[in-house]
Amino acid sequence: MRIPARAEELQSIRHALGTWLDGQGAAPEVGAEVALAVHEAAANVVEHAYPRGSGELIVRARQDDGRLVVIVEDEGEWRAPSRTDQRGRGLALMHGLMDDVEIAPSETGSGTRVTLRRRGHHA
């Protein structure tokens, strides 16, 4: 899905992702944890990706060899994760909820791409 990177749009991601996770047979607790991690990644896009104006948030989800893979991407400004930022705990939360979290420059341009992976998802 591709939506405006605005806080009021984050609920639509949770709803669409929840529906998709249910269709994939994700256990309810796994679905809730994946949805929370994706919400944190998307909230980071809303807060940090477009300091000079508005932009879009892209979310893609798939199954890959028994793992749920969700990519949250923006086309804003690349900002490497800060080790000294004490404000939020979103990155720590994502790492705690998912098996793997990869943060890299976006393939679509100068933005950021967060890839979240989680195993053992079936109810």
C-alpha atoms as a PDB file:
ATOM      1  CA  MET A   1       0.000   0.000   0.000  1.00  0.00           C
ATOM      2  CA  ARG A   2       1.073   3.564  -0.633  1.00  0.00           C
ATOM      3  CA  ILE A   3      -0.413   6.277   1.562  1.00  0.00           C
ATOM      4  CA  PRO A   4       0.370   9.846   2.629  1.00  0.00           C
ATOM      5  CA  ALA A   5       2.964   9.924   5.425  1.00  0.00           C
ATOM      6  CA  ARG A   6       0.642  11.477   7.998  1.00  0.00           C
ATOM      7  CA  ALA A   7      -0.143  10.334  11.540  1.00  0.00           C
ATOM      8  CA  GLU A   8      -3.864  10.052  10.827  1.00  0.00           C
ATOM      9  CA  GLU A   9      -3.138   7.478   8.105  1.00  0.00           C
ATOM     10  CA  LEU A  10      -1.328   5.003  10.409  1.00  0.00           C
ATOM     11  CA  GLN A  11      -4.576   3.323  11.452  1.00  0.00           C
ATOM     12  CA  SER A  12      -5.220   2.277   7.840  1.00  0.00           C
ATOM     13  CA  ILE A  13      -1.887   0.427   7.822  1.00  0.00           C
ATOM     14  CA  ARG A  14      -2.755  -1.469  11.009  1.00  0.00           C
ATOM     15  CA  HIS A  15      -6.160  -2.408   9.600  1.00  0.00           C
ATOM     16  CA  ALA A  16      -4.866  -3.580   6.198  1.00  0.00           C
ATOM     17  CA  LEU A  17      -1.930  -5.428   7.759  1.00  0.00           C
ATOM     18  CA  GLY A  18      -4.204  -7.092  10.333  1.00  0.00           C
ATOM     19  CA  THR A  19      -6.494  -8.341   7.579  1.00  0.00           C
ATOM     20  CA  TRP A  20      -3.520  -9.657   5.597  1.00  0.00           C
ATOM     21  CA  LEU A  21      -1.980 -11.361   8.653  1.00  0.00           C
ATOM     22  CA  ASP A  22      -5.308 -13.054   9.453  1.00  0.00           C
ATOM     23  CA  GLY A  23      -5.433 -14.331   5.881  1.00  0.00           C
ATOM     24  CA  GLN A  24      -1.919 -15.745   6.257  1.00  0.00           C
ATOM     25  CA  GLY A  25      -2.941 -17.744   9.328  1.00  0.00           C
ATOM     26  CA  ALA A  26      -0.871 -15.690  11.763  1.00  0.00           C
ATOM     27  CA  ALA A  27      -1.493 -16.463  15.421  1.00  0.00           C
ATOM     28  CA  PRO A  28      -3.249 -13.482  17.061  1.00  0.00           C
ATOM     29  CA  GLU A  29      -0.315 -12.653  19.355  1.00  0.00           C
ATOM     30  CA  VAL A  30       2.153 -12.813  16.451  1.00  0.00           C
ATOM     31  CA  GLY A  31      -0.108 -10.624  14.325  1.00  0.00           C
ATOM     32  CA  ALA A  32      -0.353  -8.065  17.121  1.00  0.00           C
ATOM     33  CA  GLU A  33       3.433  -7.977  17.552  1.00  0.00           C
ATOM     34  CA  VAL A  34       4.107  -7.662  13.823  1.00  0.00           C
ATOM     35  CA  ALA A  35       1.477  -4.919  13.540  1.00  0.00           C
ATOM     36  CA  LEU A  36       3.068  -3.014  16.444  1.00  0.00           C
ATOM     37  CA  ALA A  37       6.556  -3.254  14.915  1.00  0.00           C
ATOM     38  CA  VAL A  38       5.237  -2.062  11.537  1.00  0.00           C
ATOM     39  CA  HIS A  39       3.368   0.779  13.251  1.00  0.00           C
ATOM     40  CA  GLU A  40       6.625   1.907  14.908  1.00  0.00           C
ATOM     41  CA  ALA A  41       8.480   1.851  11.570  1.00  0.00           C
ATOM     42  CA  ALA A  42       5.656   3.772   9.875  1.00  0.00           C
ATOM     43  CA  ALA A  43       5.510   6.317  12.715  1.00  0.00           C
ATOM     44  CA  ASN A  44       9.244   6.927  12.192  1.00  0.00           C
ATOM     45  CA  VAL A  45       8.524   7.738   8.544  1.00  0.00           C
ATOM     46  CA  VAL A  46       5.801  10.198   9.563  1.00  0.00           C
ATOM     47  CA  GLU A  47       8.087  11.886  12.081  1.00  0.00           C
ATOM     48  CA  HIS A  48      11.453  11.887  10.294  1.00  0.00           C
ATOM     49  CA  ALA A  49      11.351  11.174   6.552  1.00  0.00           C
ATOM     50  CA  TYR A  50      10.012  14.415   5.128  1.00  0.00           C
ATOM     51  CA  PRO A  51      11.318  17.385   7.131  1.00  0.00           C
ATOM     52  CA  ARG A  52      10.816  19.752   4.187  1.00  0.00           C
ATOM     53  CA  GLY A  53       7.270  18.776   3.292  1.00  0.00           C
ATOM     54  CA  SER A  54       4.870  15.949   2.671  1.00  0.00           C
ATOM     55  CA  GLY A  55       5.528  12.571   1.101  1.00  0.00           C
ATOM     56  CA  GLU A  56       4.370   9.000   0.942  1.00  0.00           C
ATOM     57  CA  LEU A  57       4.795   5.873   2.989  1.00  0.00           C
ATOM     58  CA  ILE A  58       5.018   2.489   1.263  1.00  0.00           C
ATOM     59  CA  VAL A  59       4.240  -0.804   3.034  1.00  0.00           C
ATOM     60  CA  ARG A  60       4.660  -4.204   1.393  1.00  0.00           C
ATOM     61  CA  ALA A  61       4.077  -7.596   3.027  1.00  0.00           C
ATOM     62  CA  ARG A  62       4.757 -11.138   1.875  1.00  0.00           C
ATOM     63  CA  GLN A  63       5.532 -14.625   3.078  1.00  0.00           C
ATOM     64  CA  ASP A  64       9.022 -15.877   2.327  1.00  0.00           C
ATOM     65  CA  ASP A  65       9.982 -19.447   3.216  1.00  0.00           C
ATOM     66  CA  GLY A  66       7.725 -19.597   6.273  1.00  0.00           C
ATOM     67  CA  ARG A  67       8.547 -16.084   7.460  1.00  0.00           C
ATOM     68  CA  LEU A  68       6.447 -12.955   7.406  1.00  0.00           C
ATOM     69  CA  VAL A  69       8.319 -10.113   5.745  1.00  0.00           C
ATOM     70  CA  VAL A  70       7.071  -6.537   5.915  1.00  0.00           C
ATOM     71  CA  ILE A  71       8.895  -3.633   4.274  1.00  0.00           C
ATOM     72  CA  VAL A  72       8.212  -0.056   5.333  1.00  0.00           C
ATOM     73  CA  GLU A  73       9.751   2.440   2.950  1.00  0.00           C
ATOM     74  CA  ASP A  74       9.772   6.144   2.247  1.00  0.00           C
ATOM     75  CA  GLU A  75      11.136   8.375  -0.498  1.00  0.00           C
ATOM     76  CA  GLY A  76      12.243  11.115   1.870  1.00  0.00           C
ATOM     77  CA  GLU A  77      15.678  11.799   3.286  1.00  0.00           C
ATOM     78  CA  TRP A  78      17.938   8.924   4.346  1.00  0.00           C
ATOM     79  CA  ARG A  79      18.697   9.155   8.029  1.00  0.00           C
ATOM     80  CA  ALA A  80      20.854   6.461   9.567  1.00  0.00           C
ATOM     81  CA  PRO A  81      19.615   5.208  12.954  1.00  0.00           C
ATOM     82  CA  SER A  82      21.173   7.230  15.757  1.00  0.00           C
ATOM     83  CA  ARG A  83      22.816   5.389  18.631  1.00  0.00           C
ATOM     84  CA  THR A  84      22.564   8.485  20.824  1.00  0.00           C
ATOM     85  CA  ASP A  85      18.901   9.369  20.289  1.00  0.00           C
ATOM     86  CA  GLN A  86      17.326   8.892  23.719  1.00  0.00           C
ATOM     87  CA  ARG A  87      13.852  10.164  22.769  1.00  0.00           C
ATOM     88  CA  GLY A  88      12.160   7.097  21.442  1.00  0.00           C
ATOM     89  CA  ARG A  89      12.340   3.384  21.908  1.00  0.00           C
ATOM     90  CA  GLY A  90      10.810   2.429  18.566  1.00  0.00           C
ATOM     91  CA  LEU A  91      13.911   0.734  17.174  1.00  0.00           C
ATOM     92  CA  ALA A  92      14.458  -1.275  20.361  1.00  0.00           C
ATOM     93  CA  LEU A  93      10.795  -2.279  20.294  1.00  0.00           C
ATOM     94  CA  MET A  94      11.014  -3.391  16.641  1.00  0.00           C
ATOM     95  CA  HIS A  95      14.121  -5.469  17.405  1.00  0.00           C
ATOM     96  CA  GLY A  96      12.382  -7.028  20.417  1.00  0.00           C
ATOM     97  CA  LEU A  97       9.242  -7.997  18.499  1.00  0.00           C
ATOM     98  CA  MET A  98      10.785  -9.243  15.269  1.00  0.00           C
ATOM     99  CA  ASP A  99      13.379 -11.902  14.437  1.00  0.00           C
ATOM    100  CA  ASP A 100      15.250  -9.538  12.155  1.00  0.00           C
ATOM    101  CA  VAL A 101      15.175  -5.796  11.493  1.00  0.00           C
ATOM    102  CA  GLU A 102      17.209  -4.309   8.661  1.00  0.00           C
ATOM    103  CA  ILE A 103      17.445  -0.557   8.128  1.00  0.00           C
ATOM    104  CA  ALA A 104      19.047   0.650   4.918  1.00  0.00           C
ATOM    105  CA  PRO A 105      18.790   3.384   2.302  1.00  0.00           C
ATOM    106  CA  SER A 106      15.709   2.934   0.140  1.00  0.00           C
ATOM    107  CA  GLU A 107      15.970   1.345  -3.277  1.00  0.00           C
ATOM    108  CA  THR A 108      13.525   3.968  -4.563  1.00  0.00           C
ATOM    109  CA  GLY A 109      15.813   6.931  -4.012  1.00  0.00           C
ATOM    110  CA  SER A 110      17.176   8.797  -1.047  1.00  0.00           C
ATOM    111  CA  GLY A 111      14.732   7.515   1.571  1.00  0.00           C
ATOM    112  CA  THR A 112      14.844   4.723   4.123  1.00  0.00           C
ATOM    113  CA  ARG A 113      13.813   1.076   3.886  1.00  0.00           C
ATOM    114  CA  VAL A 114      12.999  -0.951   7.013  1.00  0.00           C
ATOM    115  CA  THR A 115      12.649  -4.703   6.479  1.00  0.00           C
ATOM    116  CA  LEU A 116      11.002  -6.615   9.308  1.00  0.00           C
ATOM    117  CA  ARG A 117      11.046 -10.437   9.437  1.00  0.00           C
ATOM    118  CA  ARG A 118       9.253 -12.840  11.781  1.00  0.00           C
ATOM    119  CA  ARG A 119       9.132 -16.673  11.864  1.00  0.00           C
ATOM    120  CA  GLY A 120       6.626 -19.039  13.445  1.00  0.00           C
ATOM    121  CA  HIS A 121       3.507 -17.195  12.530  1.00  0.00           C
ATOM    122  CA  HIS A 122       0.828 -19.879  12.214  1.00  0.00           C
ATOM    123  CA  ALA A 123      -1.948 -20.228  14.744  1.00  0.00           C
END
